[in-house]
Structure formats: structure tokens, C-alpha cells
Amino acid sequence: MIKSLLTSKTQPASPAKVRNVRDIIVTAMEKAGEAGEYTDDELQAIHSGGDEFIPELHQLAHRFARRKLTPVFDLAGALTLLGQTNVVTPEQNVATFNRPLSKDEAVLCPSIEQIQECAEQNKAGTHKWILAYASALSFRDQHLILGTDKTRQPNYYPGVDWFLKPGEKKWADAKPEAGLYLLDMTPRWNKTNWQQQGVNIATLGDDYERADERVFAQAVVAHQKATGNRLFGNVYHWGRFLDSRGYRVCVGLDPDGLGVDDGHPSYDDNDDLFVCVARKSQLRALIA
């Protein structure tokens, strides 16, 4: 509460001062919205009481300013364009991984133009684009949360823990950036080596990339929990990470759980090593 922030041991704030500070904050926020910025000097001016200045008020005003000035992602619009079954919402990710969602922090998001293009491709029947929220969870985090009990799906594959060994720590403990990601769940380019898959992706344009396998993993298991269906079922997405053997990490979901494996980049005759293509999320927005 603003009143508690203004109350000191020596001089509690009067009701009039509480109202005054509240009015100053509102005025400053309106100014920030018009100017498109909010400087430290303006924040300091919110409470110019010299020794009475309390740092928590500065933090509070900064949080208010950030929320006012940061765009809000139109999740309802995305649901309308793509359809409910093609969106893994933040709430579905939270329900799967039991990690709270911060609505005060801007996260990565695609543009509405990207979503519209993907929706059109879905309608044409050539792609299976989904929009999925992913938390900042490493493979180790995900494995710890979901466990390996296949009677309580979604789960990680029982008995497969090579990627949790010390030699794989550098990538297995790395966390993706939280955000909303567009992923095409149409498997592409099996029987193609890893480098050539990358060349194929590059021909699609600068806006496309190989999906982050940690994001992919969260998307398929959260979708399974929400719908009971498996995306990219029974085949692997060949990801970005290089493991301790010099192989590229791959992940896939089958009836026994989410498996983490690897494949040498030169493999060009494997029926199961596909790639999930993603659109680059480069905007930042709050999720309402």
C-alpha cells in the first residue's frame, strides 16, 4: 500500500499526503504515457521529501510505469486466429509445471502479423502452427517436476537420465527465455543431416529458426496434459544443443513419455530425426 510506503518510524504520513502522492503518481504516469518514457528524475520527483524519501516508493512507481508503458500481448486475438486447440496458454503451462506466472514481467512474443500468417497456413492445410507459452525451465527442471512415472503422464521417459550427468550440465541446466513461441508441429526433413536441415530452414527466410528443444518439450507435454493428444508423436525434433559427445540433442514424445536422445550431425538416413521449425519471437510484451 502507498500509505505503508510513506509511513516512517518518526513521522507517519497524513491522509492528505497519501492522497497527494497518489495524485502525483497518476499525473507522472500520464506524462510518461504521452512522452513514451519515464526517467529516474521523474520517479524521484514523485516523492521529493528529502530524508522522507523511501526507496520502496521508487520501486513501486517504477513497476507502475513499466506496466503502463509495456505493450500487452493480445492472447484473446491469438486464440481467435489460431483456435483454442492450437494455443498452449500460460495457464496450461503453469498447470503442467506448477510454476507461477509473473504478469509484471514482459516476455518474448511473436507479432500479430506472424500469427496471422501462421493461421492462414494452417487453414491451407500445409502446416500445423501452434502458439505455446514456455517458462524458463531447463531440461533438469522439467525432469524434476514431471518425473518418470508413465502412469502419471505427462512424464519424462523412464530410465533415461544420461542428460542429467555432470558432463551434460552446461546445456541440460541452461534455461530458455520465458515467452510465447510459434512452432510448426509438422515434422520436416527426416533422412537429412543436421547441417542440411539448417540450410533448409534458412531458405524459408530470416524469420524462421530451429525450435529451441526446451521450448518444444514444454509445448508438447503441456498440450498433452491439456488435450490428451501428442504432437510430433513418436518421432524426434532434432534441436540446437551440442552434447559432450559432439552429437546434437533431440527430443520426442511417445506413449512412454518424453525422451531426450542425441544424433551425430552427419546422420542422413534416420527415419525419426525430423526438425520442428519455429518463427522468431522478437517482441516483448506483458501477458494480461
Protein backbone atom coordinates (compact mmCIF):
# COMPACT_ATOMS: atom_id res chain seq x y z
CA MET A 1 0.00 0.00 0.00
CA ILE A 2 1.15 3.54 -0.73
CA LYS A 3 0.28 4.58 2.82
CA SER A 4 2.62 1.99 4.33
CA LEU A 5 5.38 3.07 1.99
CA LEU A 6 5.05 6.66 3.14
CA THR A 7 4.97 5.85 6.83
CA SER A 8 8.25 6.20 8.70
CA LYS A 9 9.11 5.48 12.32
CA THR A 10 9.43 9.15 13.10
CA GLN A 11 6.68 10.71 11.02
CA PRO A 12 3.67 8.71 9.79
CA ALA A 13 2.16 10.06 6.60
CA SER A 14 -1.03 12.06 6.90
CA PRO A 15 -4.09 11.11 4.81
CA ALA A 16 -3.62 14.33 2.87
CA LYS A 17 -0.05 13.40 1.99
CA VAL A 18 -1.12 9.93 0.89
CA ARG A 19 -3.67 11.48 -1.45
CA ASN A 20 -1.10 13.98 -2.69
CA VAL A 21 1.45 11.29 -3.53
CA ARG A 22 -1.20 9.20 -5.23
CA ASP A 23 -2.18 12.18 -7.38
CA ILE A 24 1.46 12.83 -8.27
CA ILE A 25 1.92 9.21 -9.33
CA VAL A 26 -1.15 9.33 -11.58
CA THR A 27 -0.01 12.61 -13.17
CA ALA A 28 3.50 11.29 -13.70
CA MET A 29 2.15 8.10 -15.23
CA GLU A 30 0.02 10.08 -17.68
CA LYS A 31 3.05 12.16 -18.60
CA ALA A 32 5.10 9.02 -19.12
CA GLY A 33 2.43 7.60 -21.41
CA GLU A 34 2.45 10.71 -23.60
CA ALA A 35 6.21 11.04 -23.75
CA GLY A 36 6.87 7.33 -24.12
CA GLU A 37 9.44 7.30 -21.37
CA TYR A 38 9.81 7.52 -17.63
CA THR A 39 13.13 8.86 -16.30
CA ASP A 40 14.73 8.39 -12.90
CA ASP A 41 14.36 12.13 -12.30
CA GLU A 42 10.62 11.87 -12.81
CA LEU A 43 10.45 8.90 -10.49
CA GLN A 44 12.42 10.81 -7.88
CA ALA A 45 10.08 13.75 -8.25
CA ILE A 46 7.14 11.55 -7.26
CA HIS A 47 8.32 11.87 -3.70
CA SER A 48 10.54 14.91 -3.16
CA GLY A 49 10.54 14.86 0.60
CA GLY A 50 14.31 14.75 1.08
CA ASP A 51 15.05 12.48 4.03
CA GLU A 52 11.49 11.19 3.91
CA PHE A 53 12.08 9.54 0.51
CA ILE A 54 11.53 5.81 0.81
CA PRO A 55 13.18 3.53 -1.81
CA GLU A 56 10.18 1.19 -1.90
CA LEU A 57 8.06 4.00 -3.35
CA HIS A 58 10.57 4.43 -6.15
CA GLN A 59 10.28 0.70 -6.89
CA LEU A 60 6.51 0.83 -6.76
CA ALA A 61 6.33 3.76 -9.17
CA HIS A 62 8.83 2.08 -11.49
CA ARG A 63 6.67 -1.05 -11.57
CA PHE A 64 3.58 1.03 -12.33
CA ALA A 65 5.45 2.83 -15.11
CA ARG A 66 6.66 -0.42 -16.64
CA ARG A 67 3.17 -1.86 -16.72
CA LYS A 68 1.77 1.31 -18.27
CA LEU A 69 4.44 1.65 -20.93
CA THR A 70 4.92 -2.01 -21.92
CA PRO A 71 2.60 -3.44 -24.61
CA VAL A 72 0.15 -6.16 -23.61
CA PHE A 73 0.01 -9.26 -25.80
CA ASP A 74 -3.40 -9.92 -27.34
CA LEU A 75 -3.80 -13.55 -26.25
CA ALA A 76 -7.54 -13.49 -26.96
CA GLY A 77 -6.82 -12.39 -30.52
CA ALA A 78 -4.29 -15.18 -30.96
CA LEU A 79 -6.83 -17.72 -29.72
CA THR A 80 -9.35 -16.41 -32.25
CA LEU A 81 -6.87 -16.62 -35.14
CA LEU A 82 -5.30 -19.99 -34.37
CA GLY A 83 -8.10 -21.75 -32.49
CA GLN A 84 -8.05 -22.94 -28.90
CA THR A 85 -6.53 -26.34 -29.68
CA ASN A 86 -3.55 -24.65 -31.34
CA VAL A 87 -2.62 -22.49 -28.35
CA VAL A 88 -0.82 -23.68 -25.22
CA THR A 89 -1.74 -20.89 -22.85
CA PRO A 90 0.36 -19.62 -19.95
CA GLU A 91 -2.21 -21.15 -17.61
CA GLN A 92 -1.79 -24.57 -19.24
CA ASN A 93 1.98 -24.33 -18.84
CA VAL A 94 1.52 -23.40 -15.18
CA ALA A 95 -0.86 -26.34 -14.69
CA THR A 96 1.74 -28.70 -16.19
CA PHE A 97 4.89 -27.43 -14.49
CA ASN A 98 3.46 -25.78 -11.38
CA ARG A 99 5.49 -22.61 -11.81
CA PRO A 100 3.83 -19.25 -11.12
CA LEU A 101 3.36 -16.77 -13.96
CA SER A 102 4.57 -13.22 -13.35
CA LYS A 103 2.28 -10.70 -15.02
CA ASP A 104 4.62 -7.83 -14.14
CA GLU A 105 7.39 -9.08 -16.43
CA ALA A 106 7.48 -8.61 -20.19
CA VAL A 107 8.21 -11.82 -22.09
CA LEU A 108 9.12 -12.74 -25.67
CA CYS A 109 6.17 -12.72 -28.08
CA PRO A 110 5.59 -13.04 -31.82
CA SER A 111 3.94 -10.24 -33.77
CA ILE A 112 0.28 -10.31 -34.73
CA GLU A 113 1.41 -10.41 -38.39
CA GLN A 114 3.35 -13.62 -37.75
CA ILE A 115 0.34 -15.17 -36.05
CA GLN A 116 -1.94 -14.17 -38.94
CA GLU A 117 0.44 -15.74 -41.48
CA CYS A 118 0.64 -18.95 -39.48
CA ALA A 119 -3.14 -19.08 -39.13
CA GLU A 120 -3.51 -18.78 -42.91
CA GLN A 121 -1.02 -21.61 -43.45
CA ASN A 122 -2.97 -23.76 -41.00
CA LYS A 123 -6.18 -23.06 -42.90
CA ALA A 124 -4.48 -24.07 -46.14
CA GLY A 125 -3.63 -27.42 -44.54
CA THR A 126 0.08 -27.14 -45.23
CA HIS A 127 1.25 -26.56 -41.65
CA LYS A 128 0.36 -27.20 -38.03
CA TRP A 129 1.39 -23.99 -36.28
CA ILE A 130 0.76 -23.68 -32.57
CA LEU A 131 1.42 -20.82 -30.19
CA ALA A 132 2.91 -22.12 -26.96
CA TYR A 133 3.92 -20.44 -23.74
CA ALA A 134 7.18 -21.71 -22.26
CA SER A 135 8.60 -20.97 -18.84
CA ALA A 136 12.29 -20.51 -18.04
CA LEU A 137 12.74 -24.21 -17.26
CA SER A 138 15.82 -26.25 -18.14
CA PHE A 139 15.70 -29.93 -19.03
CA ARG A 140 16.81 -30.69 -15.49
CA ASP A 141 13.99 -28.54 -14.09
CA GLN A 142 11.40 -30.21 -16.30
CA HIS A 143 12.60 -33.72 -15.46
CA LEU A 144 12.47 -32.97 -11.74
CA ILE A 145 8.94 -31.56 -11.95
CA LEU A 146 7.36 -34.19 -14.22
CA GLY A 147 9.21 -37.27 -13.02
CA THR A 148 9.32 -40.57 -14.88
CA ASP A 149 6.15 -42.37 -13.77
CA LYS A 150 4.39 -43.19 -17.04
CA THR A 151 1.16 -43.91 -15.18
CA ARG A 152 1.03 -40.17 -14.37
CA GLN A 153 1.52 -38.54 -17.75
CA PRO A 154 2.92 -36.28 -18.99
CA ASN A 155 6.29 -37.56 -17.83
CA TYR A 156 9.89 -37.95 -18.87
CA TYR A 157 10.93 -41.31 -20.28
CA PRO A 158 11.67 -43.85 -17.52
CA GLY A 159 15.28 -44.91 -17.11
CA VAL A 160 16.73 -42.26 -19.43
CA ASP A 161 18.85 -39.83 -17.42
CA TRP A 162 22.11 -39.54 -19.38
CA PHE A 163 21.44 -35.85 -19.93
CA LEU A 164 21.42 -35.25 -16.16
CA LYS A 165 25.02 -36.42 -15.76
CA PRO A 166 27.72 -33.86 -14.84
CA GLY A 167 29.20 -33.85 -18.34
CA GLU A 168 25.93 -32.51 -19.80
CA LYS A 169 25.39 -29.83 -17.17
CA LYS A 170 26.26 -26.88 -19.42
CA TRP A 171 23.24 -27.39 -21.68
CA ALA A 172 20.94 -29.51 -19.50
CA ASP A 173 20.86 -26.78 -16.84
CA ALA A 174 20.50 -23.88 -19.29
CA LYS A 175 17.12 -22.15 -19.18
CA PRO A 176 15.20 -20.77 -22.17
CA GLU A 177 13.72 -17.31 -22.08
CA ALA A 178 10.09 -17.30 -20.97
CA GLY A 179 7.63 -16.30 -23.63
CA LEU A 180 5.19 -17.24 -26.35
CA TYR A 181 6.57 -19.15 -29.32
CA LEU A 182 5.17 -20.14 -32.71
CA LEU A 183 6.08 -23.76 -33.50
CA ASP A 184 5.16 -25.76 -36.58
CA MET A 185 4.24 -29.23 -35.40
CA THR A 186 4.53 -30.63 -38.91
CA PRO A 187 7.69 -32.79 -38.82
CA ARG A 188 10.09 -31.80 -41.61
CA TRP A 189 13.18 -33.21 -43.33
CA ASN A 190 13.97 -36.60 -41.85
CA LYS A 191 16.74 -38.60 -43.57
CA THR A 192 18.56 -35.26 -43.80
CA ASN A 193 21.71 -34.39 -41.89
CA TRP A 194 21.63 -31.66 -39.26
CA GLN A 195 23.55 -29.11 -41.34
CA GLN A 196 21.29 -29.56 -44.37
CA GLN A 197 18.22 -29.14 -42.17
CA GLY A 198 19.70 -25.78 -41.15
CA VAL A 199 20.17 -24.84 -44.80
CA ASN A 200 16.55 -25.76 -45.50
CA ILE A 201 15.38 -23.58 -42.63
CA ALA A 202 17.45 -20.64 -43.89
CA THR A 203 15.70 -20.81 -47.28
CA LEU A 204 12.41 -20.06 -45.52
CA GLY A 205 13.66 -16.60 -44.53
CA ASP A 206 15.29 -14.73 -41.68
CA ASP A 207 12.13 -15.02 -39.60
CA TYR A 208 12.47 -18.81 -39.22
CA GLU A 209 14.68 -20.91 -36.97
CA ARG A 210 15.15 -24.37 -35.50
CA ALA A 211 12.90 -24.61 -32.45
CA ASP A 212 14.54 -24.50 -29.03
CA GLU A 213 14.23 -28.08 -27.79
CA ARG A 214 13.44 -26.96 -24.22
CA VAL A 215 10.54 -24.88 -25.53
CA PHE A 216 9.45 -27.73 -27.80
CA ALA A 217 9.46 -30.14 -24.84
CA GLN A 218 7.29 -27.86 -22.74
CA ALA A 219 4.87 -27.31 -25.61
CA VAL A 220 4.25 -30.98 -26.38
CA VAL A 221 3.83 -32.11 -22.77
CA ALA A 222 1.60 -29.17 -21.81
CA HIS A 223 -0.51 -29.83 -24.90
CA GLN A 224 -0.74 -33.50 -23.96
CA LYS A 225 -1.88 -32.62 -20.44
CA ALA A 226 -4.49 -30.16 -21.73
CA THR A 227 -5.88 -32.24 -24.61
CA GLY A 228 -4.71 -35.83 -24.16
CA ASN A 229 -3.12 -35.73 -27.62
CA ARG A 230 0.53 -35.99 -28.58
CA LEU A 231 2.04 -33.53 -31.05
CA PHE A 232 5.04 -34.65 -33.11
CA GLY A 233 4.18 -38.12 -31.85
CA ASN A 234 6.68 -40.99 -31.94
CA VAL A 235 9.38 -39.03 -33.81
CA TYR A 236 12.13 -36.67 -32.66
CA HIS A 237 12.78 -32.96 -33.04
CA TRP A 238 16.49 -32.52 -33.71
CA GLY A 239 17.43 -29.50 -31.66
CA ARG A 240 20.24 -27.00 -31.22
CA PHE A 241 22.30 -28.24 -28.27
CA LEU A 242 25.65 -29.96 -28.71
CA ASP A 243 26.26 -32.60 -26.04
CA SER A 244 29.53 -33.88 -24.59
CA ARG A 245 29.95 -36.42 -27.43
CA GLY A 246 29.64 -33.79 -30.13
CA TYR A 247 26.13 -35.00 -31.02
CA ARG A 248 23.06 -32.80 -31.39
CA VAL A 249 20.31 -33.26 -28.82
CA CYS A 250 16.88 -34.46 -29.94
CA VAL A 251 13.60 -34.79 -28.06
CA GLY A 252 10.38 -36.64 -28.77
CA LEU A 253 7.13 -37.72 -27.13
CA ASP A 254 5.88 -41.29 -27.31
CA PRO A 255 3.39 -43.33 -25.23
CA ASP A 256 6.01 -43.91 -22.51
CA GLY A 257 6.95 -40.26 -22.07
CA LEU A 258 9.24 -37.51 -23.30
CA GLY A 259 12.57 -38.88 -24.45
CA VAL A 260 15.86 -36.99 -24.68
CA ASP A 261 18.38 -38.51 -27.08
CA ASP A 262 21.09 -37.35 -29.47
CA GLY A 263 22.23 -37.86 -33.04
CA HIS A 264 25.52 -37.23 -34.81
CA PRO A 265 25.16 -34.18 -37.09
CA SER A 266 26.19 -36.25 -40.10
CA TYR A 267 23.28 -38.71 -39.82
CA ASP A 268 21.31 -38.55 -43.05
CA ASP A 269 19.45 -41.86 -43.07
CA ASN A 270 17.42 -41.71 -39.87
CA ASP A 271 13.66 -42.06 -40.26
CA ASP A 272 12.90 -40.47 -36.89
CA LEU A 273 15.11 -37.35 -36.79
CA PHE A 274 12.89 -34.52 -38.01
CA VAL A 275 13.02 -30.82 -37.22
CA CYS A 276 10.39 -28.54 -35.72
CA VAL A 277 10.53 -25.12 -37.37
CA ALA A 278 9.76 -22.00 -35.33
CA ARG A 279 9.09 -18.36 -36.07
CA LYS A 280 11.36 -15.95 -34.22
CA SER A 281 9.72 -14.22 -31.25
CA GLN A 282 11.41 -10.82 -31.06
CA LEU A 283 8.87 -8.58 -29.37
CA ARG A 284 8.37 -8.12 -25.64
CA ALA A 285 5.00 -7.72 -24.00
CA LEU A 286 3.08 -8.36 -20.84
CA ILE A 287 0.56 -11.18 -20.76
CA ALA A 288 -2.74 -9.91 -19.43
